[in-house]
């Protein structure tokens, strides 16, 4: 009886869970890139359709310390994958921020002009730096997923 119950409800639950995440049910490509992807230089991208939201990782903001300035890119600027598109200054250091994939900046987080603490408080949320129109989606597959990035960070600190 338990097997039949699982069989009856497993699919509707999966469908409802996928809908609540705004991911088409059973579409593995969309699901794979609805999560954060990372560069080894500690930038992240989160993809929604052809738009990527980009920022620095929580690990990076911890290493930098209190962020005091974020240089935002210009809307309309295009960058290659791995090219510096922004910089972040903290009480400890200044650091370039690299674009994970090729794209054109469509929006910047203007809130960072007056509230740089957002990077420290929510690096992978409200502290995002820019949104881009992704030019080459195939480059996403070259980035680290969450598990690989966490492993990289652990190895880097050893």
N, C-alpha and C. Protein backbone atom coordinates (compact mmCIF):
# COMPACT_ATOMS: atom_id res chain seq x y z
N UNK A 1 0.82 -1.20 0.00
CA UNK A 1 0.00 0.00 0.00
C UNK A 1 0.86 1.26 0.00
N UNK A 2 1.96 1.25 0.75
CA UNK A 2 2.83 2.42 0.78
C UNK A 2 3.44 2.69 -0.59
N UNK A 3 3.77 1.62 -1.29
CA UNK A 3 4.36 1.78 -2.61
C UNK A 3 3.38 2.49 -3.56
N UNK A 4 2.11 2.07 -3.53
CA UNK A 4 1.11 2.69 -4.39
C UNK A 4 0.94 4.15 -4.01
N UNK A 5 0.92 4.46 -2.73
CA UNK A 5 0.77 5.85 -2.28
C UNK A 5 1.91 6.70 -2.80
N UNK A 6 3.14 6.19 -2.67
CA UNK A 6 4.30 6.93 -3.17
C UNK A 6 4.18 7.17 -4.67
N UNK A 7 3.79 6.13 -5.37
CA UNK A 7 3.69 6.22 -6.82
C UNK A 7 2.63 7.24 -7.24
N UNK A 8 1.51 7.28 -6.51
CA UNK A 8 0.44 8.20 -6.85
C UNK A 8 0.83 9.65 -6.59
N UNK A 9 1.59 9.90 -5.53
CA UNK A 9 1.85 11.27 -5.12
C UNK A 9 3.24 11.79 -5.48
N UNK A 10 4.14 10.94 -5.89
CA UNK A 10 5.50 11.39 -6.19
C UNK A 10 5.52 12.40 -7.33
N UNK A 11 4.80 12.14 -8.39
CA UNK A 11 4.83 13.05 -9.54
C UNK A 11 4.14 14.38 -9.25
N UNK A 12 2.94 14.39 -8.69
CA UNK A 12 2.33 15.70 -8.40
C UNK A 12 3.18 16.55 -7.46
N UNK A 13 3.81 15.92 -6.47
CA UNK A 13 4.65 16.66 -5.54
C UNK A 13 5.84 17.25 -6.28
N UNK A 14 6.47 16.47 -7.15
CA UNK A 14 7.61 16.97 -7.93
C UNK A 14 7.17 18.12 -8.83
N UNK A 15 6.00 18.00 -9.41
CA UNK A 15 5.50 19.06 -10.28
C UNK A 15 5.22 20.33 -9.49
N UNK A 16 4.58 20.21 -8.34
CA UNK A 16 4.28 21.37 -7.50
C UNK A 16 5.57 22.01 -7.02
N UNK A 17 6.55 21.22 -6.59
CA UNK A 17 7.82 21.77 -6.12
C UNK A 17 8.52 22.51 -7.24
N UNK A 18 8.52 21.95 -8.43
CA UNK A 18 9.17 22.62 -9.56
C UNK A 18 8.45 23.92 -9.90
N UNK A 19 7.12 23.92 -9.87
CA UNK A 19 6.37 25.14 -10.18
C UNK A 19 6.65 26.23 -9.15
N UNK A 20 6.77 25.86 -7.89
CA UNK A 20 7.00 26.87 -6.86
C UNK A 20 8.39 27.49 -7.00
N UNK A 21 9.31 26.80 -7.65
CA UNK A 21 10.65 27.33 -7.88
C UNK A 21 10.73 28.06 -9.23
N UNK A 22 9.62 28.14 -9.93
CA UNK A 22 9.56 28.75 -11.26
C UNK A 22 10.48 28.04 -12.25
N UNK A 23 10.57 26.74 -12.09
CA UNK A 23 11.36 25.92 -12.99
C UNK A 23 10.39 24.97 -13.68
N UNK A 24 10.42 24.85 -14.99
CA UNK A 24 9.53 23.91 -15.65
C UNK A 24 9.77 22.49 -15.13
N UNK A 25 8.71 21.78 -14.82
CA UNK A 25 8.83 20.43 -14.28
C UNK A 25 9.57 19.53 -15.26
N UNK A 26 10.47 18.74 -14.74
CA UNK A 26 11.20 17.73 -15.49
C UNK A 26 12.07 18.29 -16.60
N UNK A 27 12.48 19.53 -16.50
CA UNK A 27 13.38 20.13 -17.47
C UNK A 27 14.75 20.21 -16.80
N UNK A 28 15.61 19.24 -17.06
CA UNK A 28 16.88 19.15 -16.35
C UNK A 28 17.81 20.31 -16.64
N UNK A 29 17.79 20.88 -17.86
CA UNK A 29 18.68 22.00 -18.16
C UNK A 29 18.32 23.20 -17.30
N UNK A 30 17.06 23.56 -17.26
CA UNK A 30 16.63 24.71 -16.46
C UNK A 30 16.93 24.48 -14.99
N UNK A 31 16.64 23.29 -14.52
CA UNK A 31 16.87 22.98 -13.10
C UNK A 31 18.36 23.06 -12.77
N UNK A 32 19.21 22.60 -13.67
CA UNK A 32 20.64 22.60 -13.42
C UNK A 32 21.20 24.00 -13.26
N UNK A 33 20.63 24.97 -13.96
CA UNK A 33 21.17 26.32 -13.91
C UNK A 33 20.29 27.29 -13.12
N UNK A 34 19.34 26.76 -12.34
CA UNK A 34 18.54 27.63 -11.49
C UNK A 34 19.26 27.85 -10.17
N UNK A 35 20.38 27.20 -9.99
CA UNK A 35 21.18 27.35 -8.78
C UNK A 35 22.39 28.23 -9.07
N UNK A 36 23.14 28.52 -8.03
CA UNK A 36 24.35 29.31 -8.20
C UNK A 36 25.44 28.50 -8.90
N UNK A 37 26.21 29.18 -9.76
CA UNK A 37 27.40 28.63 -10.40
C UNK A 37 28.54 29.57 -10.05
N UNK A 38 29.76 29.06 -9.96
CA UNK A 38 30.88 29.85 -9.44
C UNK A 38 32.13 29.78 -10.30
N UNK A 39 32.91 30.86 -10.21
CA UNK A 39 34.27 30.88 -10.72
C UNK A 39 35.20 30.57 -9.54
N UNK A 40 36.39 30.10 -9.83
CA UNK A 40 37.36 29.86 -8.76
C UNK A 40 37.87 31.17 -8.16
N UNK A 41 37.59 32.28 -8.82
CA UNK A 41 37.97 33.59 -8.28
C UNK A 41 36.86 34.16 -7.38
N UNK A 42 35.86 33.33 -7.07
CA UNK A 42 34.81 33.60 -6.07
C UNK A 42 33.68 34.51 -6.51
N UNK A 43 33.40 34.56 -7.82
CA UNK A 43 32.21 35.22 -8.31
C UNK A 43 31.13 34.17 -8.53
N UNK A 44 29.88 34.58 -8.43
CA UNK A 44 28.76 33.68 -8.68
C UNK A 44 27.86 34.26 -9.76
N UNK A 45 27.09 33.36 -10.37
CA UNK A 45 26.04 33.76 -11.30
C UNK A 45 24.84 32.88 -11.01
N UNK A 46 23.68 33.49 -11.04
CA UNK A 46 22.41 32.75 -10.92
C UNK A 46 21.61 33.11 -12.16
N UNK A 47 21.14 32.09 -12.87
CA UNK A 47 20.52 32.28 -14.18
C UNK A 47 19.00 32.16 -14.10
N UNK A 48 18.34 33.08 -14.78
CA UNK A 48 16.89 33.04 -14.94
C UNK A 48 16.61 33.33 -16.41
N UNK A 49 16.38 32.27 -17.18
CA UNK A 49 16.22 32.42 -18.63
C UNK A 49 17.55 32.79 -19.25
N UNK A 50 17.61 33.93 -19.94
CA UNK A 50 18.87 34.36 -20.56
C UNK A 50 19.55 35.45 -19.74
N UNK A 51 19.01 35.73 -18.55
CA UNK A 51 19.57 36.76 -17.68
C UNK A 51 20.33 36.12 -16.53
N UNK A 52 21.53 36.62 -16.29
CA UNK A 52 22.33 36.14 -15.17
C UNK A 52 22.53 37.26 -14.16
N UNK A 53 22.30 36.96 -12.90
CA UNK A 53 22.59 37.91 -11.82
C UNK A 53 23.95 37.52 -11.27
N UNK A 54 24.84 38.52 -11.08
CA UNK A 54 26.23 38.25 -10.76
C UNK A 54 26.65 39.01 -9.51
N UNK A 55 27.53 38.38 -8.72
CA UNK A 55 28.08 39.04 -7.54
C UNK A 55 29.28 38.27 -7.02
N UNK A 56 29.74 38.64 -5.83
CA UNK A 56 30.84 37.89 -5.22
C UNK A 56 30.25 36.92 -4.20
N UNK A 57 30.95 35.85 -3.97
CA UNK A 57 30.44 34.81 -3.07
C UNK A 57 30.53 35.23 -1.61
N UNK A 58 29.80 34.53 -0.79
CA UNK A 58 29.85 34.75 0.65
C UNK A 58 31.27 34.52 1.16
N UNK A 59 31.93 33.51 0.60
CA UNK A 59 33.32 33.21 0.97
C UNK A 59 34.22 34.41 0.68
N UNK A 60 34.03 35.04 -0.47
CA UNK A 60 34.84 36.20 -0.86
C UNK A 60 34.60 37.38 0.07
N UNK A 61 33.34 37.67 0.40
CA UNK A 61 33.07 38.81 1.26
C UNK A 61 33.63 38.59 2.66
N UNK A 62 33.64 37.33 3.13
CA UNK A 62 34.25 37.04 4.43
C UNK A 62 35.75 37.32 4.39
N UNK A 63 36.40 36.93 3.31
CA UNK A 63 37.84 37.15 3.17
C UNK A 63 38.17 38.64 3.04
N UNK A 64 37.32 39.39 2.36
CA UNK A 64 37.57 40.82 2.17
C UNK A 64 37.35 41.64 3.44
N UNK A 65 36.42 41.24 4.26
CA UNK A 65 36.06 42.05 5.42
C UNK A 65 35.03 43.10 5.02
N UNK A 66 34.92 44.16 5.81
CA UNK A 66 33.89 45.17 5.58
C UNK A 66 34.09 45.88 4.24
N UNK A 67 33.10 45.74 3.36
CA UNK A 67 33.14 46.38 2.04
C UNK A 67 32.78 47.85 2.20
N UNK A 68 33.62 48.72 1.63
CA UNK A 68 33.41 50.18 1.75
C UNK A 68 33.07 50.84 0.41
N UNK A 69 33.32 50.15 -0.72
CA UNK A 69 33.04 50.72 -2.03
C UNK A 69 32.88 49.61 -3.05
N UNK A 70 31.89 49.77 -3.93
CA UNK A 70 31.70 48.84 -5.05
C UNK A 70 31.64 49.68 -6.33
N UNK A 71 32.56 49.42 -7.25
CA UNK A 71 32.53 50.08 -8.55
C UNK A 71 31.59 49.30 -9.45
N UNK A 72 30.49 49.91 -9.83
CA UNK A 72 29.50 49.24 -10.67
C UNK A 72 29.84 49.45 -12.15
N UNK A 73 29.58 48.44 -12.98
CA UNK A 73 29.82 48.60 -14.42
C UNK A 73 28.74 49.48 -15.04
N UNK A 74 28.98 49.94 -16.25
CA UNK A 74 27.98 50.74 -16.97
C UNK A 74 26.99 49.82 -17.67
N UNK A 75 25.71 50.15 -17.57
CA UNK A 75 24.69 49.41 -18.30
C UNK A 75 24.99 49.55 -19.79
N UNK A 76 24.90 48.43 -20.49
CA UNK A 76 25.20 48.41 -21.93
C UNK A 76 26.61 47.95 -22.24
N UNK A 77 27.48 47.89 -21.22
CA UNK A 77 28.85 47.42 -21.43
C UNK A 77 28.85 45.91 -21.64
N UNK A 78 29.70 45.46 -22.56
CA UNK A 78 29.84 44.02 -22.83
C UNK A 78 31.20 43.55 -22.34
N UNK A 79 31.22 42.32 -21.82
CA UNK A 79 32.45 41.76 -21.28
C UNK A 79 32.58 40.30 -21.70
N UNK A 80 33.83 39.87 -21.83
CA UNK A 80 34.13 38.47 -22.10
C UNK A 80 34.08 37.69 -20.78
N UNK A 81 33.94 36.38 -20.86
CA UNK A 81 34.02 35.54 -19.67
C UNK A 81 35.40 35.69 -19.04
N UNK A 82 35.44 35.91 -17.75
CA UNK A 82 36.71 36.06 -17.04
C UNK A 82 37.28 37.47 -17.06
N UNK A 83 36.60 38.40 -17.71
CA UNK A 83 37.07 39.78 -17.76
C UNK A 83 36.56 40.55 -16.54
N UNK A 84 37.41 41.43 -16.00
CA UNK A 84 37.01 42.26 -14.86
C UNK A 84 35.92 43.23 -15.31
N UNK A 85 34.80 43.24 -14.58
CA UNK A 85 33.70 44.14 -14.93
C UNK A 85 33.33 45.07 -13.78
N UNK A 86 33.93 44.83 -12.61
CA UNK A 86 33.61 45.61 -11.42
C UNK A 86 34.80 45.49 -10.47
N UNK A 87 34.76 46.26 -9.39
CA UNK A 87 35.75 46.07 -8.32
C UNK A 87 35.07 46.32 -6.99
N UNK A 88 35.63 45.70 -5.97
CA UNK A 88 35.12 45.82 -4.62
C UNK A 88 36.28 46.23 -3.72
N UNK A 89 36.08 47.28 -2.94
CA UNK A 89 37.10 47.71 -1.98
C UNK A 89 36.59 47.48 -0.58
N UNK A 90 37.49 46.97 0.26
CA UNK A 90 37.15 46.73 1.65
C UNK A 90 38.20 47.39 2.53
N UNK A 91 38.02 47.24 3.84
CA UNK A 91 39.00 47.80 4.76
C UNK A 91 40.34 47.07 4.64
N UNK A 92 40.33 45.86 4.06
CA UNK A 92 41.54 45.06 3.92
C UNK A 92 42.22 45.20 2.56
N UNK A 93 41.41 45.29 1.49
CA UNK A 93 41.99 45.22 0.14
C UNK A 93 40.99 45.68 -0.91
N UNK A 94 41.50 45.84 -2.13
CA UNK A 94 40.64 46.08 -3.29
C UNK A 94 40.77 44.86 -4.18
N UNK A 95 39.67 44.49 -4.80
CA UNK A 95 39.68 43.28 -5.60
C UNK A 95 38.84 43.47 -6.86
N UNK A 96 39.36 43.01 -7.99
CA UNK A 96 38.58 43.02 -9.23
C UNK A 96 37.52 41.94 -9.14
N UNK A 97 36.40 42.16 -9.82
CA UNK A 97 35.33 41.18 -9.89
C UNK A 97 35.20 40.78 -11.36
N UNK A 98 35.23 39.47 -11.61
CA UNK A 98 35.26 38.95 -12.98
C UNK A 98 33.91 38.37 -13.38
N UNK A 99 33.56 38.58 -14.63
CA UNK A 99 32.29 38.07 -15.14
C UNK A 99 32.43 36.57 -15.43
N UNK A 100 31.53 35.76 -14.88
CA UNK A 100 31.63 34.31 -15.09
C UNK A 100 31.41 33.85 -16.53
N UNK A 101 30.57 34.55 -17.28
CA UNK A 101 30.29 34.20 -18.67
C UNK A 101 30.22 35.48 -19.50
N UNK A 102 30.36 35.34 -20.79
CA UNK A 102 30.28 36.49 -21.68
C UNK A 102 28.88 37.09 -21.65
N UNK A 103 28.81 38.42 -21.60
CA UNK A 103 27.48 39.03 -21.59
C UNK A 103 27.52 40.55 -21.60
N UNK A 104 26.33 41.13 -21.66
CA UNK A 104 26.14 42.57 -21.68
C UNK A 104 25.36 42.98 -20.43
N UNK A 105 25.85 43.99 -19.74
CA UNK A 105 25.21 44.46 -18.51
C UNK A 105 23.88 45.11 -18.85
N UNK A 106 22.81 44.62 -18.21
CA UNK A 106 21.48 45.17 -18.44
C UNK A 106 20.96 45.96 -17.25
N UNK A 107 21.55 45.72 -16.07
CA UNK A 107 21.09 46.39 -14.85
C UNK A 107 22.21 46.31 -13.82
N UNK A 108 22.32 47.34 -13.00
CA UNK A 108 23.28 47.31 -11.88
C UNK A 108 22.52 47.54 -10.58
N UNK A 109 23.09 47.09 -9.50
CA UNK A 109 22.46 47.22 -8.19
C UNK A 109 22.79 48.59 -7.61
N UNK A 110 21.99 49.58 -7.97
CA UNK A 110 22.21 50.96 -7.52
C UNK A 110 22.20 51.09 -6.00
N UNK A 111 21.55 50.17 -5.31
CA UNK A 111 21.49 50.22 -3.84
C UNK A 111 22.89 50.15 -3.24
N UNK A 112 23.84 49.57 -3.97
CA UNK A 112 25.21 49.45 -3.45
C UNK A 112 25.93 50.80 -3.39
N UNK A 113 25.45 51.79 -4.14
CA UNK A 113 26.06 53.12 -4.08
C UNK A 113 25.94 53.73 -2.69
N UNK A 114 24.82 53.50 -2.03
CA UNK A 114 24.58 54.07 -0.71
C UNK A 114 24.68 53.06 0.42
N UNK A 115 24.69 51.77 0.09
CA UNK A 115 24.63 50.74 1.11
C UNK A 115 25.54 49.56 0.75
N UNK A 116 26.85 49.80 0.79
CA UNK A 116 27.81 48.74 0.42
C UNK A 116 27.76 47.57 1.39
N UNK A 117 27.20 47.78 2.58
CA UNK A 117 27.10 46.70 3.57
C UNK A 117 26.26 45.53 3.06
N UNK A 118 25.44 45.78 2.04
CA UNK A 118 24.63 44.70 1.48
C UNK A 118 25.51 43.55 0.99
N UNK A 119 26.70 43.86 0.51
CA UNK A 119 27.61 42.80 0.05
C UNK A 119 28.01 41.91 1.23
N UNK A 120 28.27 42.51 2.39
CA UNK A 120 28.63 41.72 3.56
C UNK A 120 27.41 41.02 4.17
N UNK A 121 26.30 41.69 4.17
CA UNK A 121 25.10 41.14 4.81
C UNK A 121 24.43 40.05 3.98
N UNK A 122 24.50 40.17 2.66
CA UNK A 122 23.79 39.25 1.78
C UNK A 122 24.49 39.17 0.42
N UNK A 123 25.72 38.66 0.42
CA UNK A 123 26.54 38.63 -0.80
C UNK A 123 25.85 37.91 -1.95
N UNK A 124 25.12 36.86 -1.65
CA UNK A 124 24.48 36.07 -2.69
C UNK A 124 22.97 36.31 -2.72
N UNK A 125 22.59 37.49 -2.27
CA UNK A 125 21.19 37.89 -2.29
C UNK A 125 21.10 39.35 -2.67
N UNK A 126 20.77 40.21 -1.70
CA UNK A 126 20.60 41.64 -1.95
C UNK A 126 21.91 42.35 -2.33
N UNK A 127 23.05 41.70 -2.14
CA UNK A 127 24.34 42.31 -2.46
C UNK A 127 24.84 42.02 -3.87
N UNK A 128 23.96 41.58 -4.76
CA UNK A 128 24.36 41.32 -6.15
C UNK A 128 24.90 42.60 -6.78
N UNK A 129 25.74 42.43 -7.79
CA UNK A 129 26.38 43.59 -8.43
C UNK A 129 25.70 43.99 -9.73
N UNK A 130 25.47 43.03 -10.62
CA UNK A 130 24.90 43.36 -11.93
C UNK A 130 24.07 42.22 -12.47
N UNK A 131 23.21 42.57 -13.42
CA UNK A 131 22.47 41.57 -14.19
C UNK A 131 22.96 41.70 -15.62
N UNK A 132 23.12 40.54 -16.26
CA UNK A 132 23.64 40.54 -17.63
C UNK A 132 22.74 39.72 -18.54
N UNK A 133 22.78 40.07 -19.81
CA UNK A 133 22.18 39.25 -20.85
C UNK A 133 23.30 38.30 -21.29
N UNK A 134 23.10 37.01 -21.06
CA UNK A 134 24.15 36.03 -21.33
C UNK A 134 24.29 35.81 -22.83
N UNK A 135 25.51 36.01 -23.34
CA UNK A 135 25.78 35.86 -24.78
C UNK A 135 26.09 34.42 -25.17
N UNK A 136 26.71 33.66 -24.26
CA UNK A 136 27.13 32.31 -24.58
C UNK A 136 26.76 31.36 -23.44
N UNK A 137 25.53 30.84 -23.42
CA UNK A 137 25.07 29.99 -22.33
C UNK A 137 25.90 28.72 -22.15
N UNK A 138 26.58 28.26 -23.18
CA UNK A 138 27.40 27.05 -23.06
C UNK A 138 28.51 27.24 -22.03
N UNK A 139 28.94 28.48 -21.80
CA UNK A 139 29.99 28.75 -20.82
C UNK A 139 29.56 28.42 -19.39
N UNK A 140 28.26 28.37 -19.14
CA UNK A 140 27.76 28.04 -17.80
C UNK A 140 28.22 26.65 -17.36
N UNK A 141 28.35 25.75 -18.32
CA UNK A 141 28.73 24.38 -18.00
C UNK A 141 30.17 24.28 -17.52
N UNK A 142 30.98 25.30 -17.77
CA UNK A 142 32.37 25.30 -17.35
C UNK A 142 32.53 25.77 -15.89
N UNK A 143 31.47 26.31 -15.32
CA UNK A 143 31.53 26.85 -13.96
C UNK A 143 31.31 25.76 -12.92
N UNK A 144 31.72 26.06 -11.70
CA UNK A 144 31.56 25.12 -10.59
C UNK A 144 30.14 25.16 -10.05
N UNK A 145 29.59 23.99 -9.72
CA UNK A 145 28.31 23.98 -9.02
C UNK A 145 28.58 24.19 -7.52
N UNK A 146 27.54 24.24 -6.71
CA UNK A 146 27.68 24.54 -5.29
C UNK A 146 28.63 23.57 -4.58
N UNK A 147 28.46 22.27 -4.80
CA UNK A 147 29.29 21.27 -4.13
C UNK A 147 30.76 21.40 -4.53
N UNK A 148 31.01 21.57 -5.82
CA UNK A 148 32.39 21.70 -6.30
C UNK A 148 33.03 22.98 -5.77
N UNK A 149 32.25 24.05 -5.69
CA UNK A 149 32.77 25.32 -5.17
C UNK A 149 33.11 25.19 -3.68
N UNK A 150 32.23 24.58 -2.92
CA UNK A 150 32.51 24.39 -1.48
C UNK A 150 33.76 23.56 -1.28
N UNK A 151 33.92 22.50 -2.08
CA UNK A 151 35.13 21.66 -1.99
C UNK A 151 36.37 22.49 -2.35
N UNK A 152 36.28 23.30 -3.40
CA UNK A 152 37.38 24.17 -3.80
C UNK A 152 37.77 25.10 -2.66
N UNK A 153 36.79 25.72 -2.01
CA UNK A 153 37.06 26.65 -0.90
C UNK A 153 37.74 25.95 0.27
N UNK A 154 37.29 24.73 0.57
CA UNK A 154 37.91 23.95 1.65
C UNK A 154 39.36 23.64 1.33
N UNK A 155 39.63 23.22 0.09
CA UNK A 155 40.99 22.90 -0.32
C UNK A 155 41.87 24.14 -0.35
N UNK A 156 41.29 25.28 -0.71
CA UNK A 156 42.03 26.52 -0.79
C UNK A 156 42.50 27.01 0.59
N UNK A 157 41.71 26.72 1.62
CA UNK A 157 42.06 27.17 2.97
C UNK A 157 42.99 26.20 3.69
N UNK A 158 43.14 24.99 3.13
CA UNK A 158 44.06 24.01 3.77
C UNK A 158 45.51 24.35 3.55
